[in-house]
């Protein structure tokens, strides 16, 4: 018995497969973005709440992407 989502049951046998599946799902979700956007999935795995340093890492990444791209939405979407 597992407490993980059934859709990710492959992670028990292959972590790479679970990551690839998650990346493909995200790419499919954002396939309709205009060509002016570059989509790069970032996968984090956790079995509990993220600690302060992980949240700060994501916030910093969002700020840097926003600063580089000039897109204010990049900062907020990176922290999701």
PDB file of N, CA and C in Angstrom:
ATOM      1  N   UNK A   1       0.838  -1.176   0.000  1.00  0.00           N
ATOM      2  CA  UNK A   1       0.000   0.000   0.000  1.00  0.00           C
ATOM      3  C   UNK A   1       0.883   1.240   0.000  1.00  0.00           C
ATOM      4  N   UNK A   2       0.475   2.238  -0.758  1.00  0.00           N
ATOM      5  CA  UNK A   2       1.236   3.474  -0.843  1.00  0.00           C
ATOM      6  C   UNK A   2       0.332   4.683  -0.624  1.00  0.00           C
ATOM      7  N   UNK A   3       0.906   5.741  -0.100  1.00  0.00           N
ATOM      8  CA  UNK A   3       0.148   6.984   0.100  1.00  0.00           C
ATOM      9  C   UNK A   3       0.353   7.945  -1.053  1.00  0.00           C
ATOM     10  N   UNK A   4       1.152   7.546  -2.038  1.00  0.00           N
ATOM     11  CA  UNK A   4       1.418   8.403  -3.181  1.00  0.00           C
ATOM     12  C   UNK A   4       0.304   8.287  -4.213  1.00  0.00           C
ATOM     13  N   UNK A   5       0.176   9.305  -5.046  1.00  0.00           N
ATOM     14  CA  UNK A   5      -0.859   9.302  -6.072  1.00  0.00           C
ATOM     15  C   UNK A   5      -0.699   8.115  -7.002  1.00  0.00           C
ATOM     16  N   UNK A   6      -1.805   7.498  -7.358  1.00  0.00           N
ATOM     17  CA  UNK A   6      -1.788   6.322  -8.230  1.00  0.00           C
ATOM     18  C   UNK A   6      -1.140   6.636  -9.576  1.00  0.00           C
ATOM     19  N   UNK A   7      -1.310   7.873 -10.056  1.00  0.00           N
ATOM     20  CA  UNK A   7      -0.749   8.236 -11.359  1.00  0.00           C
ATOM     21  C   UNK A   7       0.773   8.230 -11.357  1.00  0.00           C
ATOM     22  N   UNK A   8       1.384   8.238 -10.195  1.00  0.00           N
ATOM     23  CA  UNK A   8       2.833   8.224 -10.110  1.00  0.00           C
ATOM     24  C   UNK A   8       3.355   6.913  -9.527  1.00  0.00           C
ATOM     25  N   UNK A   9       2.601   5.852  -9.698  1.00  0.00           N
ATOM     26  CA  UNK A   9       3.005   4.563  -9.135  1.00  0.00           C
ATOM     27  C   UNK A   9       4.284   4.035  -9.749  1.00  0.00           C
ATOM     28  N   UNK A  10       4.704   4.561 -10.897  1.00  0.00           N
ATOM     29  CA  UNK A  10       5.954   4.115 -11.511  1.00  0.00           C
ATOM     30  C   UNK A  10       7.169   4.563 -10.719  1.00  0.00           C
ATOM     31  N   UNK A  11       7.003   5.554  -9.827  1.00  0.00           N
ATOM     32  CA  UNK A  11       8.160   6.043  -9.073  1.00  0.00           C
ATOM     33  C   UNK A  11       8.737   4.974  -8.148  1.00  0.00           C
ATOM     34  N   UNK A  12       7.941   4.004  -7.799  1.00  0.00           N
ATOM     35  CA  UNK A  12       8.443   2.930  -6.936  1.00  0.00           C
ATOM     36  C   UNK A  12       9.475   2.087  -7.659  1.00  0.00           C
ATOM     37  N   UNK A  13       9.380   1.995  -8.963  1.00  0.00           N
ATOM     38  CA  UNK A  13      10.324   1.177  -9.714  1.00  0.00           C
ATOM     39  C   UNK A  13      11.344   2.001 -10.478  1.00  0.00           C
ATOM     40  N   UNK A  14      10.989   3.223 -10.835  1.00  0.00           N
ATOM     41  CA  UNK A  14      11.916   4.044 -11.607  1.00  0.00           C
ATOM     42  C   UNK A  14      11.641   5.525 -11.384  1.00  0.00           C
ATOM     43  N   UNK A  15      12.514   6.183 -10.643  1.00  0.00           N
ATOM     44  CA  UNK A  15      12.358   7.613 -10.385  1.00  0.00           C
ATOM     45  C   UNK A  15      12.440   8.409 -11.685  1.00  0.00           C
ATOM     46  N   UNK A  16      13.277   7.966 -12.600  1.00  0.00           N
ATOM     47  CA  UNK A  16      13.421   8.662 -13.876  1.00  0.00           C
ATOM     48  C   UNK A  16      12.109   8.654 -14.640  1.00  0.00           C
ATOM     49  N   UNK A  17      11.416   7.533 -14.654  1.00  0.00           N
ATOM     50  CA  UNK A  17      10.131   7.437 -15.354  1.00  0.00           C
ATOM     51  C   UNK A  17       9.122   8.407 -14.762  1.00  0.00           C
ATOM     52  N   UNK A  18       9.067   8.522 -13.458  1.00  0.00           N
ATOM     53  CA  UNK A  18       8.132   9.438 -12.814  1.00  0.00           C
ATOM     54  C   UNK A  18       8.446  10.879 -13.179  1.00  0.00           C
ATOM     55  N   UNK A  19       9.718  11.230 -13.206  1.00  0.00           N
ATOM     56  CA  UNK A  19      10.129  12.590 -13.566  1.00  0.00           C
ATOM     57  C   UNK A  19       9.794  12.866 -15.026  1.00  0.00           C
ATOM     58  N   UNK A  20      10.080  11.925 -15.899  1.00  0.00           N
ATOM     59  CA  UNK A  20       9.769  12.108 -17.319  1.00  0.00           C
ATOM     60  C   UNK A  20       8.272  12.249 -17.541  1.00  0.00           C
ATOM     61  N   UNK A  21       7.479  11.464 -16.826  1.00  0.00           N
ATOM     62  CA  UNK A  21       6.022  11.551 -16.936  1.00  0.00           C
ATOM     63  C   UNK A  21       5.531  12.921 -16.488  1.00  0.00           C
ATOM     64  N   UNK A  22       6.048  13.406 -15.375  1.00  0.00           N
ATOM     65  CA  UNK A  22       5.652  14.729 -14.875  1.00  0.00           C
ATOM     66  C   UNK A  22       6.036  15.820 -15.867  1.00  0.00           C
ATOM     67  N   UNK A  23       7.224  15.730 -16.437  1.00  0.00           N
ATOM     68  CA  UNK A  23       7.676  16.729 -17.401  1.00  0.00           C
ATOM     69  C   UNK A  23       6.813  16.707 -18.659  1.00  0.00           C
ATOM     70  N   UNK A  24       6.460  15.521 -19.136  1.00  0.00           N
ATOM     71  CA  UNK A  24       5.603  15.422 -20.329  1.00  0.00           C
ATOM     72  C   UNK A  24       4.224  16.016 -20.064  1.00  0.00           C
ATOM     73  N   UNK A  25       3.686  15.760 -18.877  1.00  0.00           N
ATOM     74  CA  UNK A  25       2.367  16.323 -18.525  1.00  0.00           C
ATOM     75  C   UNK A  25       2.411  17.840 -18.472  1.00  0.00           C
ATOM     76  N   UNK A  26       3.466  18.399 -17.889  1.00  0.00           N
ATOM     77  CA  UNK A  26       3.601  19.852 -17.826  1.00  0.00           C
ATOM     78  C   UNK A  26       3.763  20.429 -19.226  1.00  0.00           C
ATOM     79  N   UNK A  27       4.589  19.809 -20.052  1.00  0.00           N
ATOM     80  CA  UNK A  27       4.797  20.299 -21.414  1.00  0.00           C
ATOM     81  C   UNK A  27       3.477  20.286 -22.190  1.00  0.00           C
ATOM     82  N   UNK A  28       2.684  19.234 -22.031  1.00  0.00           N
ATOM     83  CA  UNK A  28       1.387  19.149 -22.710  1.00  0.00           C
ATOM     84  C   UNK A  28       0.447  20.242 -22.212  1.00  0.00           C
ATOM     85  N   UNK A  29       0.509  20.546 -20.927  1.00  0.00           N
ATOM     86  CA  UNK A  29      -0.360  21.572 -20.344  1.00  0.00           C
ATOM     87  C   UNK A  29      -0.072  22.942 -20.942  1.00  0.00           C
ATOM     88  N   UNK A  30       1.190  23.236 -21.217  1.00  0.00           N
ATOM     89  CA  UNK A  30       1.580  24.558 -21.688  1.00  0.00           C
ATOM     90  C   UNK A  30       1.905  24.612 -23.183  1.00  0.00           C
ATOM     91  N   UNK A  31       1.495  23.618 -23.934  1.00  0.00           N
ATOM     92  CA  UNK A  31       1.806  23.565 -25.366  1.00  0.00           C
ATOM     93  C   UNK A  31       1.203  24.747 -26.133  1.00  0.00           C
ATOM     94  N   UNK A  32       0.154  25.347 -25.600  1.00  0.00           N
ATOM     95  CA  UNK A  32      -0.504  26.458 -26.304  1.00  0.00           C
ATOM     96  C   UNK A  32       0.129  27.818 -26.011  1.00  0.00           C
ATOM     97  N   UNK A  33       1.187  27.871 -25.218  1.00  0.00           N
ATOM     98  CA  UNK A  33       1.853  29.146 -24.966  1.00  0.00           C
ATOM     99  C   UNK A  33       2.395  29.715 -26.278  1.00  0.00           C
ATOM    100  N   UNK A  34       2.358  31.029 -26.413  1.00  0.00           N
ATOM    101  CA  UNK A  34       2.946  31.633 -27.624  1.00  0.00           C
ATOM    102  C   UNK A  34       4.438  31.314 -27.722  1.00  0.00           C
ATOM    103  N   UNK A  35       4.970  31.395 -28.921  1.00  0.00           N
ATOM    104  CA  UNK A  35       6.387  31.087 -29.155  1.00  0.00           C
ATOM    105  C   UNK A  35       7.323  32.066 -28.460  1.00  0.00           C
ATOM    106  N   UNK A  36       6.779  33.167 -27.926  1.00  0.00           N
ATOM    107  CA  UNK A  36       7.622  34.128 -27.217  1.00  0.00           C
ATOM    108  C   UNK A  36       8.020  33.627 -25.835  1.00  0.00           C
ATOM    109  N   UNK A  37       7.416  32.538 -25.370  1.00  0.00           N
ATOM    110  CA  UNK A  37       7.742  31.946 -24.081  1.00  0.00           C
ATOM    111  C   UNK A  37       8.620  30.723 -24.274  1.00  0.00           C
ATOM    112  N   UNK A  38       9.559  30.536 -23.380  1.00  0.00           N
ATOM    113  CA  UNK A  38      10.379  29.323 -23.365  1.00  0.00           C
ATOM    114  C   UNK A  38       9.934  28.508 -22.162  1.00  0.00           C
ATOM    115  N   UNK A  39       9.443  27.312 -22.403  1.00  0.00           N
ATOM    116  CA  UNK A  39       8.968  26.460 -21.315  1.00  0.00           C
ATOM    117  C   UNK A  39      10.059  25.487 -20.925  1.00  0.00           C
ATOM    118  N   UNK A  40      10.434  25.496 -19.656  1.00  0.00           N
ATOM    119  CA  UNK A  40      11.412  24.560 -19.126  1.00  0.00           C
ATOM    120  C   UNK A  40      10.861  23.995 -17.824  1.00  0.00           C
ATOM    121  N   UNK A  41      10.442  22.728 -17.816  1.00  0.00           N
ATOM    122  CA  UNK A  41       9.894  22.169 -16.575  1.00  0.00           C
ATOM    123  C   UNK A  41      10.980  22.004 -15.512  1.00  0.00           C
ATOM    124  N   UNK A  42      10.581  22.261 -14.287  1.00  0.00           N
ATOM    125  CA  UNK A  42      11.445  22.055 -13.133  1.00  0.00           C
ATOM    126  C   UNK A  42      10.687  21.110 -12.200  1.00  0.00           C
ATOM    127  N   UNK A  43      11.295  20.014 -11.853  1.00  0.00           N
ATOM    128  CA  UNK A  43      10.614  19.015 -11.045  1.00  0.00           C
ATOM    129  C   UNK A  43      11.241  18.971  -9.653  1.00  0.00           C
ATOM    130  N   UNK A  44      10.381  19.056  -8.649  1.00  0.00           N
ATOM    131  CA  UNK A  44      10.796  18.906  -7.264  1.00  0.00           C
ATOM    132  C   UNK A  44       9.995  17.775  -6.661  1.00  0.00           C
ATOM    133  N   UNK A  45      10.642  16.941  -5.902  1.00  0.00           N
ATOM    134  CA  UNK A  45       9.925  15.855  -5.237  1.00  0.00           C
ATOM    135  C   UNK A  45      10.025  16.044  -3.739  1.00  0.00           C
ATOM    136  N   UNK A  46       8.887  15.985  -3.089  1.00  0.00           N
ATOM    137  CA  UNK A  46       8.849  16.107  -1.645  1.00  0.00           C
ATOM    138  C   UNK A  46       7.708  15.261  -1.103  1.00  0.00           C
ATOM    139  N   UNK A  47       7.899  14.714   0.060  1.00  0.00           N
ATOM    140  CA  UNK A  47       6.842  13.963   0.718  1.00  0.00           C
ATOM    141  C   UNK A  47       6.318  14.731   1.932  1.00  0.00           C
ATOM    142  N   UNK A  48       6.594  16.002   1.946  1.00  0.00           N
ATOM    143  CA  UNK A  48       6.150  16.849   3.038  1.00  0.00           C
ATOM    144  C   UNK A  48       6.280  18.302   2.638  1.00  0.00           C
ATOM    145  N   UNK A  49       6.077  19.197   3.569  1.00  0.00           N
ATOM    146  CA  UNK A  49       6.176  20.613   3.238  1.00  0.00           C
ATOM    147  C   UNK A  49       7.611  20.993   2.881  1.00  0.00           C
ATOM    148  N   UNK A  50       7.744  21.990   2.018  1.00  0.00           N
ATOM    149  CA  UNK A  50       9.078  22.465   1.650  1.00  0.00           C
ATOM    150  C   UNK A  50       9.612  23.330   2.783  1.00  0.00           C
ATOM    151  N   UNK A  51      10.899  23.219   3.028  1.00  0.00           N
ATOM    152  CA  UNK A  51      11.499  24.035   4.073  1.00  0.00           C
ATOM    153  C   UNK A  51      11.811  25.431   3.536  1.00  0.00           C
ATOM    154  N   UNK A  52      12.217  26.327   4.420  1.00  0.00           N
ATOM    155  CA  UNK A  52      12.446  27.725   4.057  1.00  0.00           C
ATOM    156  C   UNK A  52      13.508  27.878   2.972  1.00  0.00           C
ATOM    157  N   UNK A  53      14.540  27.061   3.002  1.00  0.00           N
ATOM    158  CA  UNK A  53      15.598  27.207   1.992  1.00  0.00           C
ATOM    159  C   UNK A  53      15.104  26.794   0.611  1.00  0.00           C
ATOM    160  N   UNK A  54      14.243  25.802   0.511  1.00  0.00           N
ATOM    161  CA  UNK A  54      13.687  25.407  -0.786  1.00  0.00           C
ATOM    162  C   UNK A  54      12.776  26.505  -1.331  1.00  0.00           C
ATOM    163  N   UNK A  55      11.976  27.090  -0.463  1.00  0.00           N
ATOM    164  CA  UNK A  55      11.091  28.183  -0.887  1.00  0.00           C
ATOM    165  C   UNK A  55      11.913  29.381  -1.336  1.00  0.00           C
ATOM    166  N   UNK A  56      12.976  29.684  -0.604  1.00  0.00           N
ATOM    167  CA  UNK A  56      13.848  30.807  -0.983  1.00  0.00           C
ATOM    168  C   UNK A  56      14.524  30.532  -2.323  1.00  0.00           C
ATOM    169  N   UNK A  57      14.953  29.294  -2.556  1.00  0.00           N
ATOM    170  CA  UNK A  57      15.559  28.932  -3.833  1.00  0.00           C
ATOM    171  C   UNK A  57      14.591  29.205  -4.981  1.00  0.00           C
ATOM    172  N   UNK A  58      13.343  28.766  -4.839  1.00  0.00           N
ATOM    173  CA  UNK A  58      12.357  28.980  -5.888  1.00  0.00           C
ATOM    174  C   UNK A  58      12.032  30.458  -6.065  1.00  0.00           C
ATOM    175  N   UNK A  59      11.952  31.190  -4.977  1.00  0.00           N
ATOM    176  CA  UNK A  59      11.689  32.625  -5.052  1.00  0.00           C
ATOM    177  C   UNK A  59      12.824  33.346  -5.766  1.00  0.00           C
ATOM    178  N   UNK A  60      14.065  32.984  -5.421  1.00  0.00           N
ATOM    179  CA  UNK A  60      15.231  33.591  -6.062  1.00  0.00           C
ATOM    180  C   UNK A  60      15.255  33.260  -7.550  1.00  0.00           C
ATOM    181  N   UNK A  61      14.959  32.026  -7.889  1.00  0.00           N
ATOM    182  CA  UNK A  61      14.905  31.634  -9.293  1.00  0.00           C
ATOM    183  C   UNK A  61      13.862  32.461 -10.040  1.00  0.00           C
ATOM    184  N   UNK A  62      12.689  32.621  -9.440  1.00  0.00           N
ATOM    185  CA  UNK A  62      11.643  33.421 -10.054  1.00  0.00           C
ATOM    186  C   UNK A  62      12.055  34.865 -10.258  1.00  0.00           C
ATOM    187  N   UNK A  63      12.712  35.450  -9.259  1.00  0.00           N
ATOM    188  CA  UNK A  63      13.185  36.838  -9.378  1.00  0.00           C
ATOM    189  C   UNK A  63      14.202  36.968 -10.509  1.00  0.00           C
ATOM    190  N   UNK A  64      15.101  36.002 -10.597  1.00  0.00           N
ATOM    191  CA  UNK A  64      16.124  36.063 -11.651  1.00  0.00           C
ATOM    192  C   UNK A  64      15.522  35.915 -13.047  1.00  0.00           C
ATOM    193  N   UNK A  65      14.586  34.981 -13.184  1.00  0.00           N
ATOM    194  CA  UNK A  65      13.921  34.803 -14.482  1.00  0.00           C
ATOM    195  C   UNK A  65      13.167  36.065 -14.854  1.00  0.00           C
ATOM    196  N   UNK A  66      12.459  36.642 -13.894  1.00  0.00           N
ATOM    197  CA  UNK A  66      11.689  37.860 -14.125  1.00  0.00           C
ATOM    198  C   UNK A  66      12.606  39.015 -14.517  1.00  0.00           C
ATOM    199  N   UNK A  67      13.709  39.147 -13.822  1.00  0.00           N
ATOM    200  CA  UNK A  67      14.662  40.213 -14.114  1.00  0.00           C
ATOM    201  C   UNK A  67      15.257  40.062 -15.514  1.00  0.00           C
ATOM    202  N   UNK A  68      15.615  38.849 -15.866  1.00  0.00           N
ATOM    203  CA  UNK A  68      16.223  38.588 -17.172  1.00  0.00           C
ATOM    204  C   UNK A  68      15.223  38.757 -18.303  1.00  0.00           C
ATOM    205  N   UNK A  69      14.012  38.227 -18.120  1.00  0.00           N
ATOM    206  CA  UNK A  69      13.022  38.228 -19.201  1.00  0.00           C
ATOM    207  C   UNK A  69      12.204  39.507 -19.265  1.00  0.00           C
ATOM    208  N   UNK A  70      12.129  40.232 -18.133  1.00  0.00           N
ATOM    209  CA  UNK A  70      11.278  41.406 -18.089  1.00  0.00           C
ATOM    210  C   UNK A  70       9.818  41.065 -17.883  1.00  0.00           C
ATOM    211  N   UNK A  71       9.516  39.791 -17.704  1.00  0.00           N
ATOM    212  CA  UNK A  71       8.141  39.316 -17.524  1.00  0.00           C
ATOM    213  C   UNK A  71       7.867  39.188 -16.036  1.00  0.00           C
ATOM    214  N   UNK A  72       7.023  40.089 -15.507  1.00  0.00           N
ATOM    215  CA  UNK A  72       6.732  40.082 -14.070  1.00  0.00           C
ATOM    216  C   UNK A  72       6.049  38.793 -13.635  1.00  0.00           C
ATOM    217  N   UNK A  73       5.335  38.129 -14.539  1.00  0.00           N
ATOM    218  CA  UNK A  73       4.637  36.892 -14.178  1.00  0.00           C
ATOM    219  C   UNK A  73       5.602  35.738 -13.926  1.00  0.00           C
ATOM    220  N   UNK A  74       6.814  35.823 -14.446  1.00  0.00           N
ATOM    221  CA  UNK A  74       7.777  34.744 -14.278  1.00  0.00           C
ATOM    222  C   UNK A  74       8.091  34.512 -12.812  1.00  0.00           C
ATOM    223  N   UNK A  75       8.147  35.575 -12.037  1.00  0.00           N
ATOM    224  CA  UNK A  75       8.476  35.419 -10.616  1.00  0.00           C
ATOM    225  C   UNK A  75       7.384  34.690  -9.871  1.00  0.00           C
ATOM    226  N   UNK A  76       6.151  35.016 -10.116  1.00  0.00           N
ATOM    227  CA  UNK A  76       5.057  34.367  -9.380  1.00  0.00           C
ATOM    228  C   UNK A  76       4.838  32.940  -9.830  1.00  0.00           C
ATOM    229  N   UNK A  77       5.017  32.645 -11.105  1.00  0.00           N
ATOM    230  CA  UNK A  77       4.768  31.279 -11.578  1.00  0.00           C
ATOM    231  C   UNK A  77       5.876  30.323 -11.180  1.00  0.00           C
ATOM    232  N   UNK A  78       7.068  30.822 -10.956  1.00  0.00           N
ATOM    233  CA  UNK A  78       8.181  29.950 -10.560  1.00  0.00           C
ATOM    234  C   UNK A  78       7.995  29.420  -9.148  1.00  0.00           C
ATOM    235  N   UNK A  79       7.254  30.129  -8.326  1.00  0.00           N
ATOM    236  CA  UNK A  79       7.082  29.705  -6.939  1.00  0.00           C
ATOM    237  C   UNK A  79       5.902  28.784  -6.747  1.00  0.00           C
ATOM    238  N   UNK A  80       5.212  28.414  -7.808  1.00  0.00           N
ATOM    239  CA  UNK A  80       4.040  27.532  -7.674  1.00  0.00           C
ATOM    240  C   UNK A  80       4.441  26.102  -7.512  1.00  0.00           C
TER     241      UNK A  80
END
